[in-house]
Amino acid sequence: MTRKASTWEGESLKALQQRWDRADVHLYSRVDSTNARALELAAAGAPAGTIVLADEQTAGRGIESRRWHSPRGAGLYLSLLLRPRELANPLLVPLLAGLGAARAADELIGASAVGVKWPNDLIAADRKAGGVLSEASWAGSEPNHLVIGIGVNVHGTARDFPPALRDVAISLDTAAGRSISRLELADLIVREVENRCVDPPVTLDRETLREFDNHDWLRDRRCSVVSEDEEPRQGIAVGIAPDGALLFRPDGGALARVTTGRVVVPELPTPDF
């Protein structure tokens, strides 16, 4: 059941509207998915910059429809609606949003505390701390709208996660060794993601590539690339190309570009969450 809210983190709706300088802020104490709600609002004509924020998701999801663990009050569950003029390279959106979210967390925790695992995961202390889900609607080759959903585990200890997640997930509180403000994190993420994704580029410039290199958790790690129609390939992640492709050197093979599929790292299993 969807339940609207009038406050979040002790801030009234009006205060949040003023804080983020926009009228279209939608608060929920409970919602199935902030992305699903943002997509509905987008289809109804909501303007760019619309924010959907929930205290709990009952059907939060990541890529490949994986369920995202979204208990009440424990995480940041936020979706941002954008209406870019062009979207020539959708692959860059989750990378840019993930980099923005990692930079936001760094401001609260410390330099390079949170890394980005291609294509859409946030990693802290070699555990999953969050993720990005971007969804676009098109009119022919032109984008109608773009919704960027960000879920971050903020509060709680390992005991607060379901048993299947305790060895693979982490909260920012645990990574920082102190309590992190969801409100401050939301402030920083909204700023970072809007700055990077209002009109996403076709390729990453040198400065952004350097930023990503500093946050590239996957770089130089052994991993498996799992694609839908191929056998898993073992090898080493080398880095990110300017167009957002993963650079991957398979065992005994030449450097390859990966643009679809998922990457499995032995020390970070990926159960549904």
Protein backbone atom coordinates (compact mmCIF):
# COMPACT_ATOMS: atom_id res chain seq x y z
CA MET A 1 0.00 0.00 0.00
CA THR A 2 1.28 3.44 -0.97
CA ARG A 3 1.25 6.01 1.80
CA LYS A 4 2.08 9.66 1.29
CA ALA A 5 4.08 11.55 3.90
CA SER A 6 4.26 15.19 4.94
CA THR A 7 7.75 15.03 6.46
CA TRP A 8 11.05 13.23 5.92
CA GLU A 9 13.98 13.24 8.34
CA GLY A 10 12.21 15.87 10.43
CA GLU A 11 11.80 18.24 7.46
CA SER A 12 8.38 19.27 6.20
CA LEU A 13 7.48 18.98 2.54
CA LYS A 14 7.62 22.77 2.23
CA ALA A 15 11.06 22.87 3.85
CA LEU A 16 12.36 20.24 1.42
CA GLN A 17 10.87 22.10 -1.53
CA GLN A 18 12.71 25.21 -0.42
CA ARG A 19 15.88 23.28 0.37
CA TRP A 20 16.02 21.78 -3.12
CA ASP A 21 14.52 24.84 -4.87
CA ARG A 22 11.64 23.05 -6.58
CA ALA A 23 7.93 22.52 -6.04
CA ASP A 24 7.77 18.95 -7.31
CA VAL A 25 8.92 16.89 -4.34
CA HIS A 26 6.83 13.80 -3.59
CA LEU A 27 7.21 12.18 -0.17
CA TYR A 28 6.03 8.71 0.82
CA SER A 29 6.27 6.82 4.07
CA ARG A 30 5.76 3.67 1.96
CA VAL A 31 5.75 3.10 -1.78
CA ASP A 32 6.25 0.08 -4.01
CA SER A 33 9.16 1.68 -5.89
CA THR A 34 10.29 5.30 -6.16
CA ASN A 35 11.28 4.66 -9.78
CA ALA A 36 7.86 3.25 -10.62
CA ARG A 37 6.20 6.27 -9.06
CA ALA A 38 8.56 8.68 -10.84
CA LEU A 39 7.81 7.01 -14.17
CA GLU A 40 4.09 7.44 -13.54
CA LEU A 41 4.60 11.12 -12.73
CA ALA A 42 6.76 11.56 -15.83
CA ALA A 43 4.07 10.05 -18.06
CA ALA A 44 1.57 12.47 -16.50
CA GLY A 45 3.76 15.44 -17.45
CA ALA A 46 5.76 16.11 -14.28
CA PRO A 47 8.61 18.56 -14.90
CA ALA A 48 12.33 17.90 -14.97
CA GLY A 49 13.77 17.98 -11.48
CA THR A 50 10.86 16.13 -9.87
CA ILE A 51 12.03 14.16 -6.83
CA VAL A 52 10.35 11.07 -5.37
CA LEU A 53 11.54 10.11 -1.91
CA ALA A 54 10.34 7.26 0.31
CA ASP A 55 11.06 6.03 3.81
CA GLU A 56 10.34 2.44 2.74
CA GLN A 57 9.96 0.53 -0.53
CA THR A 58 7.93 -2.65 -0.71
CA ALA A 59 9.08 -3.54 -4.24
CA GLY A 60 12.36 -1.69 -4.66
CA ARG A 61 14.32 -3.04 -7.61
CA GLY A 62 17.68 -2.92 -9.34
CA ILE A 63 18.84 -4.05 -12.75
CA GLU A 64 17.36 -7.27 -14.16
CA SER A 65 14.43 -6.66 -11.76
CA ARG A 66 16.50 -7.75 -8.75
CA ARG A 67 14.76 -6.92 -5.50
CA TRP A 68 16.33 -4.10 -3.47
CA HIS A 69 16.18 -4.52 0.31
CA SER A 70 14.47 -1.26 1.40
CA PRO A 71 13.40 -1.37 5.07
CA ARG A 72 11.74 1.57 6.77
CA GLY A 73 14.09 4.34 7.82
CA ALA A 74 17.28 2.45 7.02
CA GLY A 75 18.21 3.73 3.58
CA LEU A 76 17.98 6.53 1.08
CA TYR A 77 15.41 5.63 -1.59
CA LEU A 78 15.28 8.48 -4.08
CA SER A 79 14.34 8.89 -7.74
CA LEU A 80 15.02 11.95 -9.86
CA LEU A 81 13.14 12.79 -13.06
CA LEU A 82 15.11 14.46 -15.85
CA ARG A 83 14.15 15.46 -19.37
CA PRO A 84 17.42 15.57 -21.33
CA ARG A 85 17.42 17.06 -24.81
CA GLU A 86 19.48 14.12 -26.06
CA LEU A 87 20.42 10.72 -24.72
CA ALA A 88 22.87 9.38 -27.26
CA ASN A 89 24.64 7.04 -24.84
CA PRO A 90 22.37 5.64 -22.10
CA LEU A 91 25.23 3.44 -20.83
CA LEU A 92 26.86 6.49 -19.26
CA VAL A 93 23.84 7.43 -17.12
CA PRO A 94 24.23 4.85 -14.31
CA LEU A 95 28.00 5.37 -14.33
CA LEU A 96 27.67 9.16 -13.98
CA ALA A 97 24.93 8.87 -11.37
CA GLY A 98 26.93 6.25 -9.49
CA LEU A 99 30.02 8.45 -9.57
CA GLY A 100 27.93 11.36 -8.29
CA ALA A 101 26.51 9.25 -5.47
CA ALA A 102 29.99 8.00 -4.56
CA ARG A 103 31.33 11.55 -4.47
CA ALA A 104 28.39 12.57 -2.28
CA ALA A 105 29.12 9.77 0.17
CA ASP A 106 32.80 10.68 0.16
CA GLU A 107 31.95 14.18 1.38
CA LEU A 108 30.30 12.65 4.43
CA ILE A 109 32.65 9.74 5.09
CA GLY A 110 36.05 10.60 3.64
CA ALA A 111 37.96 10.64 0.38
CA SER A 112 37.33 7.63 -1.89
CA ALA A 113 35.45 5.74 0.82
CA VAL A 114 32.85 4.58 -1.70
CA GLY A 115 33.69 3.06 -5.06
CA VAL A 116 31.71 2.32 -8.22
CA LYS A 117 31.45 -1.21 -9.61
CA TRP A 118 30.54 -1.24 -13.29
CA PRO A 119 27.86 -0.70 -14.29
CA ASN A 120 25.73 0.49 -11.38
CA ASP A 121 26.84 -0.61 -7.89
CA LEU A 122 28.19 1.43 -4.98
CA ILE A 123 30.81 -0.38 -2.91
CA ALA A 124 32.22 0.41 0.55
CA ALA A 125 34.74 -1.76 2.39
CA ASP A 126 34.34 -4.39 -0.35
CA ARG A 127 30.62 -4.70 0.34
CA LYS A 128 27.61 -3.41 -1.57
CA ALA A 129 26.35 -0.12 -0.15
CA GLY A 130 23.98 0.97 -2.89
CA GLY A 131 23.00 0.96 -6.51
CA VAL A 132 21.62 2.96 -9.40
CA LEU A 133 18.74 2.13 -11.74
CA SER A 134 18.17 4.41 -14.74
CA GLU A 135 15.08 4.05 -16.93
CA ALA A 136 14.24 6.10 -20.02
CA SER A 137 11.18 6.54 -22.22
CA TRP A 138 11.59 7.33 -25.90
CA ALA A 139 9.64 8.92 -28.74
CA GLY A 140 11.44 7.42 -31.71
CA SER A 141 15.09 8.38 -31.24
CA GLU A 142 14.28 11.27 -28.88
CA PRO A 143 14.09 10.83 -25.10
CA ASN A 144 10.79 11.70 -23.45
CA HIS A 145 12.17 11.43 -19.95
CA LEU A 146 14.84 9.81 -17.85
CA VAL A 147 14.36 8.52 -14.31
CA ILE A 148 17.40 7.87 -12.14
CA GLY A 149 16.78 5.85 -9.00
CA ILE A 150 19.38 5.64 -6.25
CA GLY A 151 19.21 3.30 -3.29
CA VAL A 152 21.79 3.52 -0.51
CA ASN A 153 22.08 1.50 2.69
CA VAL A 154 22.58 4.27 5.25
CA HIS A 155 21.72 2.97 8.73
CA GLY A 156 22.03 -0.40 10.42
CA THR A 157 24.55 -3.12 11.18
CA ALA A 158 25.13 -6.51 9.58
CA ARG A 159 22.51 -8.03 11.91
CA ASP A 160 19.86 -5.74 10.40
CA PHE A 161 20.24 -7.27 6.93
CA PRO A 162 18.57 -10.57 5.97
CA PRO A 163 20.94 -13.53 6.54
CA ALA A 164 21.66 -13.89 2.81
CA LEU A 165 22.97 -10.32 2.64
CA ARG A 166 25.03 -10.04 5.81
CA ASP A 167 28.31 -10.97 4.14
CA VAL A 168 27.80 -8.90 0.99
CA ALA A 169 26.01 -5.70 2.06
CA ILE A 170 27.05 -2.79 4.24
CA SER A 171 25.58 0.47 5.49
CA LEU A 172 27.31 3.83 5.28
CA ASP A 173 27.07 4.02 9.08
CA THR A 174 29.20 0.89 9.34
CA ALA A 175 31.65 2.09 6.69
CA ALA A 176 32.03 5.45 8.43
CA GLY A 177 31.99 4.19 12.00
CA ARG A 178 29.36 6.79 12.89
CA SER A 179 25.82 7.82 11.99
CA ILE A 180 25.39 9.39 8.54
CA SER A 181 22.60 11.88 7.88
CA ARG A 182 20.15 10.74 5.21
CA LEU A 183 19.15 14.37 4.68
CA GLU A 184 22.71 15.54 4.06
CA LEU A 185 23.30 12.57 1.76
CA ALA A 186 20.14 13.39 -0.21
CA ASP A 187 21.25 17.02 -0.55
CA LEU A 188 24.61 16.01 -1.98
CA ILE A 189 23.26 13.28 -4.27
CA VAL A 190 20.61 15.54 -5.81
CA ARG A 191 23.27 18.16 -6.53
CA GLU A 192 25.85 15.72 -7.89
CA VAL A 193 23.46 13.70 -10.06
CA GLU A 194 21.73 16.73 -11.56
CA ASN A 195 25.07 18.36 -12.37
CA ARG A 196 26.25 15.23 -14.18
CA CYS A 197 23.09 13.90 -15.79
CA VAL A 198 20.83 16.81 -16.83
CA ASP A 199 22.27 16.45 -20.35
CA PRO A 200 24.42 13.31 -20.29
CA PRO A 201 27.46 13.43 -22.61
CA VAL A 202 28.21 10.96 -25.37
CA THR A 203 31.67 10.26 -23.95
CA LEU A 204 33.44 10.99 -20.68
CA ASP A 205 35.95 13.83 -20.70
CA ARG A 206 39.44 13.41 -19.26
CA GLU A 207 38.56 14.96 -15.91
CA THR A 208 35.57 12.66 -15.42
CA LEU A 209 37.62 9.63 -16.49
CA ARG A 210 40.21 10.55 -13.84
CA GLU A 211 37.43 10.86 -11.27
CA PHE A 212 36.11 7.48 -12.25
CA ASP A 213 39.57 5.92 -12.11
CA ASN A 214 39.80 7.11 -8.50
CA HIS A 215 36.48 5.41 -7.69
CA ASP A 216 36.74 2.34 -9.94
CA TRP A 217 36.36 -0.51 -7.46
CA LEU A 218 36.50 -3.15 -10.20
CA ARG A 219 39.77 -2.06 -11.79
CA ASP A 220 42.53 -4.73 -11.72
CA ARG A 221 40.26 -7.31 -10.08
CA ARG A 222 39.68 -10.84 -11.32
CA CYS A 223 36.08 -11.27 -12.35
CA SER A 224 33.65 -13.08 -14.62
CA VAL A 225 31.63 -11.34 -17.30
CA VAL A 226 28.23 -12.97 -17.61
CA SER A 227 26.24 -12.22 -20.78
CA GLU A 228 22.87 -13.61 -21.74
CA ASP A 229 23.93 -15.53 -24.85
CA GLU A 230 27.52 -16.40 -23.99
CA GLU A 231 29.46 -18.59 -21.62
CA PRO A 232 30.89 -16.64 -18.65
CA ARG A 233 34.34 -15.25 -19.39
CA GLN A 234 37.06 -15.12 -16.74
CA GLY A 235 39.63 -12.36 -16.72
CA ILE A 236 40.75 -9.01 -15.34
CA ALA A 237 38.83 -5.72 -15.33
CA VAL A 238 41.15 -3.09 -16.79
CA GLY A 239 39.11 0.10 -16.54
CA ILE A 240 36.41 2.15 -18.23
CA ALA A 241 36.42 3.43 -21.82
CA PRO A 242 35.32 7.02 -22.59
CA ASP A 243 31.97 5.72 -23.86
CA GLY A 244 31.34 3.85 -20.59
CA ALA A 245 32.20 0.35 -21.79
CA LEU A 246 34.03 -1.91 -19.36
CA LEU A 247 37.54 -2.74 -20.56
CA PHE A 248 38.12 -6.41 -19.83
CA ARG A 249 41.06 -8.69 -20.57
CA PRO A 250 39.84 -12.31 -20.73
CA ASP A 251 42.26 -15.04 -19.76
CA GLY A 252 44.41 -15.81 -22.79
CA GLY A 253 42.66 -13.23 -24.95
CA ALA A 254 42.90 -9.68 -26.24
CA LEU A 255 41.45 -6.63 -24.53
CA ALA A 256 37.66 -6.58 -24.97
CA ARG A 257 34.89 -4.04 -24.53
CA VAL A 258 31.83 -5.02 -22.49
CA THR A 259 28.62 -3.00 -22.83
CA THR A 260 26.01 -5.47 -21.59
CA GLY A 261 25.77 -8.20 -19.00
CA ARG A 262 26.93 -8.28 -15.42
CA VAL A 263 30.24 -8.71 -13.69
CA VAL A 264 30.74 -11.23 -10.88
CA VAL A 265 33.67 -10.87 -8.50
CA PRO A 266 34.53 -13.89 -6.29
CA GLU A 267 34.78 -11.83 -3.10
CA LEU A 268 31.48 -10.05 -3.73
CA PRO A 269 28.65 -12.52 -4.50
CA THR A 270 25.56 -10.93 -6.00
CA PRO A 271 22.35 -12.37 -4.54
CA ASP A 272 19.07 -10.70 -5.33
CA PHE A 273 18.81 -7.52 -3.27
